[in-house]
C-alpha atoms as a PDB file:
ATOM      1  CA  UNK A   1       9.877  29.942 135.851  1.00  0.00           C
ATOM      2  CA  UNK A   2      10.075  32.217 138.821  1.00  0.00           C
ATOM      3  CA  UNK A   3      13.696  31.491 139.378  1.00  0.00           C
ATOM      4  CA  UNK A   4      14.567  32.360 135.662  1.00  0.00           C
ATOM      5  CA  UNK A   5      12.847  35.771 135.991  1.00  0.00           C
ATOM      6  CA  UNK A   6      14.560  36.466 139.154  1.00  0.00           C
ATOM      7  CA  UNK A   7      17.919  35.560 137.555  1.00  0.00           C
ATOM      8  CA  UNK A   8      17.282  37.760 134.643  1.00  0.00           C
ATOM      9  CA  UNK A   9      16.584  40.737 136.866  1.00  0.00           C
ATOM     10  CA  UNK A  10      19.589  40.011 138.892  1.00  0.00           C
ATOM     11  CA  UNK A  11      21.807  39.916 135.737  1.00  0.00           C
ATOM     12  CA  UNK A  12      20.411  43.228 134.601  1.00  0.00           C
ATOM     13  CA  UNK A  13      21.091  44.838 137.891  1.00  0.00           C
ATOM     14  CA  UNK A  14      24.612  43.613 137.901  1.00  0.00           C
ATOM     15  CA  UNK A  15      25.135  44.949 134.496  1.00  0.00           C
ATOM     16  CA  UNK A  16      23.772  48.452 135.301  1.00  0.00           C
ATOM     17  CA  UNK A  17      26.089  48.446 138.446  1.00  0.00           C
ATOM     18  CA  UNK A  18      29.055  47.727 136.123  1.00  0.00           C
ATOM     19  CA  UNK A  19      28.345  50.398 133.787  1.00  0.00           C
ATOM     20  CA  UNK A  20      27.829  52.709 136.672  1.00  0.00           C
ATOM     21  CA  UNK A  21      31.161  51.927 138.061  1.00  0.00           C
ATOM     22  CA  UNK A  22      32.810  52.315 134.577  1.00  0.00           C
ATOM     23  CA  UNK A  23      31.232  55.720 134.059  1.00  0.00           C
ATOM     24  CA  UNK A  24      32.432  56.871 137.646  1.00  0.00           C
ATOM     25  CA  UNK A  25      35.981  55.674 136.890  1.00  0.00           C
ATOM     26  CA  UNK A  26      35.962  57.508 133.617  1.00  0.00           C
ATOM     27  CA  UNK A  27      34.695  60.780 135.302  1.00  0.00           C
ATOM     28  CA  UNK A  28      37.387  60.264 137.929  1.00  0.00           C
ATOM     29  CA  UNK A  29      39.979  59.814 135.242  1.00  0.00           C
ATOM     30  CA  UNK A  30      38.922  62.953 133.454  1.00  0.00           C
ATOM     31  CA  UNK A  31      39.042  64.884 136.573  1.00  0.00           C
ATOM     32  CA  UNK A  32      42.486  63.526 137.509  1.00  0.00           C
ATOM     33  CA  UNK A  33      43.905  64.567 134.093  1.00  0.00           C
ATOM     34  CA  UNK A  34      42.375  67.948 134.448  1.00  0.00           C
ATOM     35  CA  UNK A  35      44.041  68.329 137.892  1.00  0.00           C
ATOM     36  CA  UNK A  36      47.376  67.217 136.572  1.00  0.00           C
ATOM     37  CA  UNK A  37      47.185  69.600 133.690  1.00  0.00           C
ATOM     38  CA  UNK A  38      46.153  72.404 135.941  1.00  0.00           C
ATOM     39  CA  UNK A  39      48.984  71.539 138.234  1.00  0.00           C
ATOM     40  CA  UNK A  40      51.727  71.473 135.533  1.00  0.00           C
ATOM     41  CA  UNK A  41      50.323  74.780 134.099  1.00  0.00           C
ATOM     42  CA  UNK A  42      50.752  76.307 137.542  1.00  0.00           C
ATOM     43  CA  UNK A  43      54.261  75.036 137.773  1.00  0.00           C
ATOM     44  CA  UNK A  44      55.123  76.236 134.278  1.00  0.00           C
ATOM     45  CA  UNK A  45      53.604  79.688 134.900  1.00  0.00           C
ATOM     46  CA  UNK A  46      55.707  79.875 138.211  1.00  0.00           C
ATOM     47  CA  UNK A  47      58.899  78.877 136.332  1.00  0.00           C
ATOM     48  CA  UNK A  48      58.264  81.451 133.718  1.00  0.00           C
ATOM     49  CA  UNK A  49      57.607  84.127 136.306  1.00  0.00           C
ATOM     50  CA  UNK A  50      60.856  83.145 138.024  1.00  0.00           C
ATOM     51  CA  UNK A  51      62.766  83.397 134.750  1.00  0.00           C
ATOM     52  CA  UNK A  52      61.243  86.706 134.051  1.00  0.00           C
ATOM     53  CA  UNK A  53      62.298  88.056 137.390  1.00  0.00           C
ATOM     54  CA  UNK A  54      65.813  86.813 136.908  1.00  0.00           C
ATOM     55  CA  UNK A  55      66.037  88.374 133.542  1.00  0.00           C
ATOM     56  CA  UNK A  56      64.754  91.649 134.800  1.00  0.00           C
ATOM     57  CA  UNK A  57      67.022  91.645 137.742  1.00  0.00           C
ATOM     58  CA  UNK A  58      70.025  90.703 135.595  1.00  0.00           C
ATOM     59  CA  UNK A  59      69.154  93.531 133.070  1.00  0.00           C
ATOM     60  CA  UNK A  60      68.828  96.012 135.984  1.00  0.00           C
ATOM     61  CA  UNK A  61      72.058  94.877 137.412  1.00  0.00           C
ATOM     62  CA  UNK A  62      74.074  95.418 134.264  1.00  0.00           C
ATOM     63  CA  UNK A  63      72.412  98.408 132.798  1.00  0.00           C
ATOM     64  CA  UNK A  64      72.497 100.236 136.073  1.00  0.00           C
ATOM     65  CA  UNK A  65      76.170  99.449 136.445  1.00  0.00           C
ATOM     66  CA  UNK A  66      75.547  97.750 139.740  1.00  0.00           C
ATOM     67  CA  UNK A  67      77.988  95.011 138.636  1.00  0.00           C
ATOM     68  CA  UNK A  68      80.701  97.588 138.321  1.00  0.00           C
ATOM     69  CA  UNK A  69      79.992  99.062 141.654  1.00  0.00           C
ATOM     70  CA  UNK A  70      79.874  95.623 143.233  1.00  0.00           C
ATOM     71  CA  UNK A  71      83.221  94.496 141.454  1.00  0.00           C
ATOM     72  CA  UNK A  72      84.878  97.802 142.522  1.00  0.00           C
ATOM     73  CA  UNK A  73      83.723  97.501 146.093  1.00  0.00           C
ATOM     74  CA  UNK A  74      85.062  93.878 146.262  1.00  0.00           C
ATOM     75  CA  UNK A  75      88.321  95.052 144.683  1.00  0.00           C
ATOM     76  CA  UNK A  76      88.916  97.995 146.830  1.00  0.00           C
ATOM     77  CA  UNK A  77      87.989  96.055 149.897  1.00  0.00           C
ATOM     78  CA  UNK A  78      90.440  93.258 148.985  1.00  0.00           C
ATOM     79  CA  UNK A  79      93.290  95.746 148.255  1.00  0.00           C
ATOM     80  CA  UNK A  80      92.704  97.503 151.490  1.00  0.00           C
ATOM     81  CA  UNK A  81      92.886  94.194 153.579  1.00  0.00           C
ATOM     82  CA  UNK A  82      96.002  93.049 151.742  1.00  0.00           C
ATOM     83  CA  UNK A  83      97.725  96.479 152.244  1.00  0.00           C
ATOM     84  CA  UNK A  84      96.876  96.304 155.972  1.00  0.00           C
ATOM     85  CA  UNK A  85      98.573  92.911 156.375  1.00  0.00           C
ATOM     86  CA  UNK A  86     101.694  94.142 154.787  1.00  0.00           C
ATOM     87  CA  UNK A  87     101.270  93.868 150.931  1.00  0.00           C
ATOM     88  CA  UNK A  88     102.055  97.565 150.202  1.00  0.00           C
ATOM     89  CA  UNK A  89     104.802  99.244 148.180  1.00  0.00           C
ATOM     90  CA  UNK A  90     107.677 100.171 150.361  1.00  0.00           C
ATOM     91  CA  UNK A  91     110.490 100.196 147.938  1.00  0.00           C
ATOM     92  CA  UNK A  92     110.820 100.864 144.162  1.00  0.00           C
ATOM     93  CA  UNK A  93     114.102  99.392 142.768  1.00  0.00           C
ATOM     94  CA  UNK A  94     115.503 100.702 139.383  1.00  0.00           C
ATOM     95  CA  UNK A  95     118.608  99.120 137.847  1.00  0.00           C
ATOM     96  CA  UNK A  96     120.356 100.215 134.564  1.00  0.00           C
ATOM     97  CA  UNK A  97     119.082 103.788 134.648  1.00  0.00           C
ATOM     98  CA  UNK A  98     121.749 106.355 133.369  1.00  0.00           C
ATOM     99  CA  UNK A  99     119.971 108.724 131.102  1.00  0.00           C
ATOM    100  CA  UNK A 100     116.279 108.238 131.676  1.00  0.00           C
ATOM    101  CA  UNK A 101     114.497 110.802 133.700  1.00  0.00           C
ATOM    102  CA  UNK A 102     113.689 109.431 137.141  1.00  0.00           C
ATOM    103  CA  UNK A 103     110.498 111.647 137.567  1.00  0.00           C
ATOM    104  CA  UNK A 104     109.099 110.609 134.274  1.00  0.00           C
ATOM    105  CA  UNK A 105     109.873 107.059 134.900  1.00  0.00           C
ATOM    106  CA  UNK A 106     107.825 107.105 138.121  1.00  0.00           C
ATOM    107  CA  UNK A 107     104.999 108.868 136.334  1.00  0.00           C
ATOM    108  CA  UNK A 108     104.975 106.046 133.671  1.00  0.00           C
ATOM    109  CA  UNK A 109     104.607 103.288 136.313  1.00  0.00           C
ATOM    110  CA  UNK A 110     101.907 105.352 138.211  1.00  0.00           C
ATOM    111  CA  UNK A 111     102.605 103.951 141.742  1.00  0.00           C
ATOM    112  CA  UNK A 112     104.099 105.355 144.901  1.00  0.00           C
ATOM    113  CA  UNK A 113     105.158 104.146 148.328  1.00  0.00           C
ATOM    114  CA  UNK A 114     102.281 103.144 150.466  1.00  0.00           C
ATOM    115  CA  UNK A 115      99.962 102.026 147.700  1.00  0.00           C
ATOM    116  CA  UNK A 116      98.675  98.503 147.739  1.00  0.00           C
ATOM    117  CA  UNK A 117     101.107  96.456 145.764  1.00  0.00           C
ATOM    118  CA  UNK A 118      98.406  94.390 144.053  1.00  0.00           C
ATOM    119  CA  UNK A 119      97.127  97.484 142.416  1.00  0.00           C
ATOM    120  CA  UNK A 120     100.329  97.564 140.346  1.00  0.00           C
ATOM    121  CA  UNK A 121     100.219  96.006 136.927  1.00  0.00           C
ATOM    122  CA  UNK A 122     103.687  95.007 135.767  1.00  0.00           C
ATOM    123  CA  UNK A 123     102.747  94.279 132.155  1.00  0.00           C
ATOM    124  CA  UNK A 124     101.171  97.766 131.815  1.00  0.00           C
ATOM    125  CA  UNK A 125     104.099  99.375 133.537  1.00  0.00           C
ATOM    126  CA  UNK A 126     106.458  97.641 131.146  1.00  0.00           C
ATOM    127  CA  UNK A 127     104.556  98.869 128.034  1.00  0.00           C
ATOM    128  CA  UNK A 128     104.575 102.531 129.337  1.00  0.00           C
ATOM    129  CA  UNK A 129     108.322 102.527 130.256  1.00  0.00           C
ATOM    130  CA  UNK A 130     109.415 101.257 126.843  1.00  0.00           C
ATOM    131  CA  UNK A 131     107.690 104.276 125.308  1.00  0.00           C
ATOM    132  CA  UNK A 132     110.438 106.403 126.787  1.00  0.00           C
ATOM    133  CA  UNK A 133     113.051 107.401 124.132  1.00  0.00           C
ATOM    134  CA  UNK A 134     115.977 106.212 126.191  1.00  0.00           C
ATOM    135  CA  UNK A 135     114.568 102.684 126.992  1.00  0.00           C
ATOM    136  CA  UNK A 136     115.432  99.921 124.582  1.00  0.00           C
ATOM    137  CA  UNK A 137     113.822  97.306 126.773  1.00  0.00           C
ATOM    138  CA  UNK A 138     112.595  96.867 130.385  1.00  0.00           C
ATOM    139  CA  UNK A 139     111.740  94.150 132.824  1.00  0.00           C
ATOM    140  CA  UNK A 140     109.282  94.892 135.505  1.00  0.00           C
ATOM    141  CA  UNK A 141     108.389  92.689 138.496  1.00  0.00           C
ATOM    142  CA  UNK A 142     106.288  92.720 141.678  1.00  0.00           C
ATOM    143  CA  UNK A 143     108.293  91.178 144.309  1.00  0.00           C
ATOM    144  CA  UNK A 144     106.110  90.447 147.211  1.00  0.00           C
ATOM    145  CA  UNK A 145     105.413  91.551 149.829  1.00  0.00           C
ATOM    146  CA  UNK A 146     106.501  95.152 149.249  1.00  0.00           C
ATOM    147  CA  UNK A 147     108.975  95.717 146.373  1.00  0.00           C
ATOM    148  CA  UNK A 148     108.579  97.034 142.762  1.00  0.00           C
ATOM    149  CA  UNK A 149     111.723  95.935 140.698  1.00  0.00           C
ATOM    150  CA  UNK A 150     112.429  97.549 137.295  1.00  0.00           C
ATOM    151  CA  UNK A 151     115.525  96.745 135.154  1.00  0.00           C
ATOM    152  CA  UNK A 152     116.271  98.981 132.218  1.00  0.00           C
ATOM    153  CA  UNK A 153     118.314  98.381 129.094  1.00  0.00           C
ATOM    154  CA  UNK A 154     119.009 101.946 127.857  1.00  0.00           C
ATOM    155  CA  UNK A 155     120.088 103.029 124.362  1.00  0.00           C
ATOM    156  CA  UNK A 156     123.582 104.312 123.910  1.00  0.00           C
ATOM    157  CA  UNK A 157     124.149 107.740 122.533  1.00  0.00           C
ATOM    158  CA  UNK A 158     126.265 107.723 119.420  1.00  0.00           C
ATOM    159  CA  UNK A 159     126.177 110.930 117.363  1.00  0.00           C
ATOM    160  CA  UNK A 160     124.586 114.431 117.133  1.00  0.00           C
ATOM    161  CA  UNK A 161     122.550 114.741 113.913  1.00  0.00           C
ATOM    162  CA  UNK A 162     122.115 118.226 112.547  1.00  0.00           C
ATOM    163  CA  UNK A 163     119.043 118.400 110.421  1.00  0.00           C
ATOM    164  CA  UNK A 164     116.676 121.147 109.349  1.00  0.00           C
ATOM    165  CA  UNK A 165     118.273 123.620 111.675  1.00  0.00           C
ATOM    166  CA  UNK A 166     118.223 121.475 114.743  1.00  0.00           C
ATOM    167  CA  UNK A 167     120.227 118.915 116.642  1.00  0.00           C
ATOM    168  CA  UNK A 168     119.043 115.418 117.565  1.00  0.00           C
ATOM    169  CA  UNK A 169     120.864 112.863 119.761  1.00  0.00           C
ATOM    170  CA  UNK A 170     120.917 109.544 117.784  1.00  0.00           C
ATOM    171  CA  UNK A 171     121.857 105.968 119.069  1.00  0.00           C
ATOM    172  CA  UNK A 172     123.455 103.094 117.183  1.00  0.00           C
ATOM    173  CA  UNK A 173     120.171 102.051 115.763  1.00  0.00           C
ATOM    174  CA  UNK A 174     119.467 105.533 114.178  1.00  0.00           C
ATOM    175  CA  UNK A 175     116.745 106.226 116.774  1.00  0.00           C
ATOM    176  CA  UNK A 176     116.255 109.767 118.056  1.00  0.00           C
ATOM    177  CA  UNK A 177     116.778 109.981 121.809  1.00  0.00           C
ATOM    178  CA  UNK A 178     116.627 113.642 122.572  1.00  0.00           C
ATOM    179  CA  UNK A 179     116.299 116.971 120.961  1.00  0.00           C
ATOM    180  CA  UNK A 180     116.981 119.305 123.904  1.00  0.00           C
ATOM    181  CA  UNK A 181     119.476 119.707 126.734  1.00  0.00           C
ATOM    182  CA  UNK A 182     122.244 118.105 124.564  1.00  0.00           C
ATOM    183  CA  UNK A 183     125.151 120.104 126.189  1.00  0.00           C
ATOM    184  CA  UNK A 184     126.535 117.083 127.889  1.00  0.00           C
ATOM    185  CA  UNK A 185     126.728 115.354 124.543  1.00  0.00           C
ATOM    186  CA  UNK A 186     128.807 117.957 122.715  1.00  0.00           C
ATOM    187  CA  UNK A 187     131.869 115.734 122.354  1.00  0.00           C
ATOM    188  CA  UNK A 188     130.127 113.390 120.188  1.00  0.00           C
ATOM    189  CA  UNK A 189     130.552 113.335 116.492  1.00  0.00           C
ATOM    190  CA  UNK A 190     128.198 115.617 114.530  1.00  0.00           C
ATOM    191  CA  UNK A 191     126.723 114.216 111.339  1.00  0.00           C
ATOM    192  CA  UNK A 192     124.777 115.788 108.498  1.00  0.00           C
ATOM    193  CA  UNK A 193     122.845 114.685 105.553  1.00  0.00           C
ATOM    194  CA  UNK A 194     119.555 112.820 104.684  1.00  0.00           C
ATOM    195  CA  UNK A 195     119.597 109.258 105.960  1.00  0.00           C
ATOM    196  CA  UNK A 196     122.865 109.855 108.066  1.00  0.00           C
ATOM    197  CA  UNK A 197     121.547 108.383 111.311  1.00  0.00           C
ATOM    198  CA  UNK A 198     121.115 104.978 109.873  1.00  0.00           C
ATOM    199  CA  UNK A 199     124.705 104.918 108.666  1.00  0.00           C
ATOM    200  CA  UNK A 200     126.449 106.664 111.534  1.00  0.00           C
ATOM    201  CA  UNK A 201     127.591 103.553 113.372  1.00  0.00           C
ATOM    202  CA  UNK A 202     130.068 102.539 110.639  1.00  0.00           C
ATOM    203  CA  UNK A 203     131.743 106.006 110.438  1.00  0.00           C
ATOM    204  CA  UNK A 204     132.065 106.320 114.179  1.00  0.00           C
ATOM    205  CA  UNK A 205     133.574 102.924 114.578  1.00  0.00           C
ATOM    206  CA  UNK A 206     136.117 103.587 111.913  1.00  0.00           C
ATOM    207  CA  UNK A 207     137.152 106.916 113.456  1.00  0.00           C
ATOM    208  CA  UNK A 208     137.474 105.259 116.868  1.00  0.00           C
ATOM    209  CA  UNK A 209     140.187 103.165 115.268  1.00  0.00           C
ATOM    210  CA  UNK A 210     142.066 106.354 114.330  1.00  0.00           C
ATOM    211  CA  UNK A 211     141.775 108.385 117.559  1.00  0.00           C
ATOM    212  CA  UNK A 212     144.298 111.081 116.594  1.00  0.00           C
ATOM    213  CA  UNK A 213     142.166 111.861 113.503  1.00  0.00           C
ATOM    214  CA  UNK A 214     138.906 111.650 115.379  1.00  0.00           C
ATOM    215  CA  UNK A 215     140.042 114.388 117.682  1.00  0.00           C
ATOM    216  CA  UNK A 216     140.430 116.673 114.613  1.00  0.00           C
ATOM    217  CA  UNK A 217     136.960 116.058 113.039  1.00  0.00           C
ATOM    218  CA  UNK A 218     134.434 118.768 113.398  1.00  0.00           C
ATOM    219  CA  UNK A 219     131.611 117.027 111.525  1.00  0.00           C
ATOM    220  CA  UNK A 220     130.849 114.396 108.861  1.00  0.00           C
ATOM    221  CA  UNK A 221     128.538 114.863 105.881  1.00  0.00           C
ATOM    222  CA  UNK A 222     126.818 112.001 104.236  1.00  0.00           C
ATOM    223  CA  UNK A 223     126.969 112.536 100.382  1.00  0.00           C
ATOM    224  CA  UNK A 224     124.148 111.226  98.188  1.00  0.00           C
ATOM    225  CA  UNK A 225     123.309 108.686 101.031  1.00  0.00           C
ATOM    226  CA  UNK A 226     126.354 106.635  99.967  1.00  0.00           C
ATOM    227  CA  UNK A 227     129.603 107.878 101.382  1.00  0.00           C
ATOM    228  CA  UNK A 228     131.122 110.353 103.850  1.00  0.00           C
ATOM    229  CA  UNK A 229     133.090 113.559 103.754  1.00  0.00           C
ATOM    230  CA  UNK A 230     134.788 114.579 106.969  1.00  0.00           C
ATOM    231  CA  UNK A 231     135.462 118.156 107.861  1.00  0.00           C
ATOM    232  CA  UNK A 232     138.319 118.910 110.190  1.00  0.00           C
ATOM    233  CA  UNK A 233     138.443 121.683 112.763  1.00  0.00           C
ATOM    234  CA  UNK A 234     140.754 123.673 110.650  1.00  0.00           C
ATOM    235  CA  UNK A 235     138.411 123.555 107.605  1.00  0.00           C
ATOM    236  CA  UNK A 236     140.099 120.666 105.670  1.00  0.00           C
ATOM    237  CA  UNK A 237     137.847 118.224 103.874  1.00  0.00           C
ATOM    238  CA  UNK A 238     138.563 114.556 103.606  1.00  0.00           C
ATOM    239  CA  UNK A 239     136.640 112.662 100.884  1.00  0.00           C
ATOM    240  CA  UNK A 240     136.060 109.108 101.830  1.00  0.00           C
ATOM    241  CA  UNK A 241     135.076 106.052  99.553  1.00  0.00           C
ATOM    242  CA  UNK A 242     131.838 104.275  99.879  1.00  0.00           C
ATOM    243  CA  UNK A 243     133.566 101.117 100.841  1.00  0.00           C
ATOM    244  CA  UNK A 244     136.857 100.339 102.612  1.00  0.00           C
ATOM    245  CA  UNK A 245     136.635 103.344 104.890  1.00  0.00           C
ATOM    246  CA  UNK A 246     139.077 101.992 107.497  1.00  0.00           C
ATOM    247  CA  UNK A 247     141.719 101.363 104.789  1.00  0.00           C
ATOM    248  CA  UNK A 248     141.243 105.056 103.456  1.00  0.00           C
ATOM    249  CA  UNK A 249     141.642 106.433 107.085  1.00  0.00           C
ATOM    250  CA  UNK A 250     144.832 104.340 107.639  1.00  0.00           C
ATOM    251  CA  UNK A 251     146.213 105.748 104.381  1.00  0.00           C
ATOM    252  CA  UNK A 252     145.713 109.195 105.415  1.00  0.00           C
ATOM    253  CA  UNK A 253     147.296 108.606 108.825  1.00  0.00           C
ATOM    254  CA  UNK A 254     150.458 106.852 107.261  1.00  0.00           C
ATOM    255  CA  UNK A 255     150.890 110.036 104.996  1.00  0.00           C
ATOM    256  CA  UNK A 256     150.387 112.148 108.211  1.00  0.00           C
ATOM    257  CA  UNK A 257     153.122 110.191 109.984  1.00  0.00           C
ATOM    258  CA  UNK A 258     155.503 110.682 107.007  1.00  0.00           C
ATOM    259  CA  UNK A 259     154.731 114.164 105.914  1.00  0.00           C
ATOM    260  CA  UNK A 260     152.383 115.802 108.500  1.00  0.00           C
ATOM    261  CA  UNK A 261     149.846 116.565 105.797  1.00  0.00           C
ATOM    262  CA  UNK A 262     147.104 117.354 108.241  1.00  0.00           C
ATOM    263  CA  UNK A 263     149.055 120.306 109.673  1.00  0.00           C
ATOM    264  CA  UNK A 264     149.768 121.904 106.277  1.00  0.00           C
ATOM    265  CA  UNK A 265     147.767 125.042 106.259  1.00  0.00           C
ATOM    266  CA  UNK A 266     147.747 125.294 102.452  1.00  0.00           C
ATOM    267  CA  UNK A 267     146.003 121.905 102.024  1.00  0.00           C
ATOM    268  CA  UNK A 268     142.239 122.238 101.588  1.00  0.00           C
ATOM    269  CA  UNK A 269     141.081 118.721 100.404  1.00  0.00           C
ATOM    270  CA  UNK A 270     142.343 115.268 100.837  1.00  0.00           C
ATOM    271  CA  UNK A 271     140.591 112.794  98.417  1.00  0.00           C
ATOM    272  CA  UNK A 272     140.906 109.288  99.673  1.00  0.00           C
ATOM    273  CA  UNK A 273     138.315 107.733  97.313  1.00  0.00           C
ATOM    274  CA  UNK A 274     140.922 105.889  95.120  1.00  0.00           C
ATOM    275  CA  UNK A 275     142.595 102.710  96.148  1.00  0.00           C
ATOM    276  CA  UNK A 276     146.262 103.175  96.714  1.00  0.00           C
ATOM    277  CA  UNK A 277     146.286 106.988  96.155  1.00  0.00           C
ATOM    278  CA  UNK A 278     145.605 110.260  97.896  1.00  0.00           C
ATOM    279  CA  UNK A 279     144.893 113.296  95.898  1.00  0.00           C
ATOM    280  CA  UNK A 280     145.539 116.528  97.858  1.00  0.00           C
ATOM    281  CA  UNK A 281     144.294 119.951  96.672  1.00  0.00           C
ATOM    282  CA  UNK A 282     145.883 123.178  97.985  1.00  0.00           C
ATOM    283  CA  UNK A 283     144.676 126.789  98.265  1.00  0.00           C
ATOM    284  CA  UNK A 284     146.474 127.840  95.176  1.00  0.00           C
ATOM    285  CA  UNK A 285     144.608 125.399  93.022  1.00  0.00           C
ATOM    286  CA  UNK A 286     147.510 122.846  92.787  1.00  0.00           C
ATOM    287  CA  UNK A 287     147.041 119.100  93.087  1.00  0.00           C
ATOM    288  CA  UNK A 288     149.433 116.562  94.577  1.00  0.00           C
ATOM    289  CA  UNK A 289     148.933 112.880  93.868  1.00  0.00           C
ATOM    290  CA  UNK A 290     150.442 110.696  96.640  1.00  0.00           C
ATOM    291  CA  UNK A 291     150.922 106.958  96.456  1.00  0.00           C
ATOM    292  CA  UNK A 292     149.993 105.483  99.823  1.00  0.00           C
ATOM    293  CA  UNK A 293     151.928 102.118  99.289  1.00  0.00           C
ATOM    294  CA  UNK A 294     148.757 100.257 100.424  1.00  0.00           C
ATOM    295  CA  UNK A 295     147.631  99.005  97.033  1.00  0.00           C
ATOM    296  CA  UNK A 296     147.564 100.003  93.400  1.00  0.00           C
ATOM    297  CA  UNK A 297     144.979 101.170  91.137  1.00  0.00           C
ATOM    298  CA  UNK A 298     142.926 104.196  90.533  1.00  0.00           C
ATOM    299  CA  UNK A 299     139.440 103.019  90.601  1.00  0.00           C
ATOM    300  CA  UNK A 300     136.953 105.559  91.774  1.00  0.00           C
ATOM    301  CA  UNK A 301     134.958 104.181  94.657  1.00  0.00           C
END
């Protein structure tokens, strides 16, 4: 019996020891979890603080324009270094310039000898140059280490347009090139009439085919935006058709070779608007109808 009692007491003690160990382990686990949560909380707080500092620093960097200052400093330093080792503008080559103003051209590209060559922007220079009235197109290159190359395709002056009391220099596309300092273009054909610039290429080409007549022409008027009247230097008026201008001019010159009609002072008007015929009016109000021999018919063109 004594042995049994002792055994029961030992069993109870062992059970209490187990419960004590379990309780201790649970407390340790709780403490460990709390420590881990606290540690992660500190880490998250630190990360949030770092992010906040980065955001604040970034906002200050951009809002205070420190980024611009830094970028400009890097850019200027780089340009200075490259210029010191030879990448500077020593020569500006321009090909194809005949009429464009040289000083205005240099002002458009905004570069001068001695400047760092990498400061020059060829695309922007091309856009600026093509704004000049004389320039139809331009090619701009940066040829390292020290040359700026510009190739121009200039417009060709064709006629002088008298409009609203002023003169304008016009090219073959009908574009206005100049409105001042036109003395050197005084030998070009003068045209008049609304819409005349866009139709000037045809009449000038036809007159170039008859140079002896072209030398007598003082100016040409576009009538009703359809056809031309030529006024000669002695006051004679030549009425041309809307179509077949070259044929009409040839008819006049054939009659000139046969009868010298362009030198007859009493003739005031030569009407070449009819196929195969020339109608000549005189100062006395008389009318002479010539057959040109270049086709029949009297259709009014």
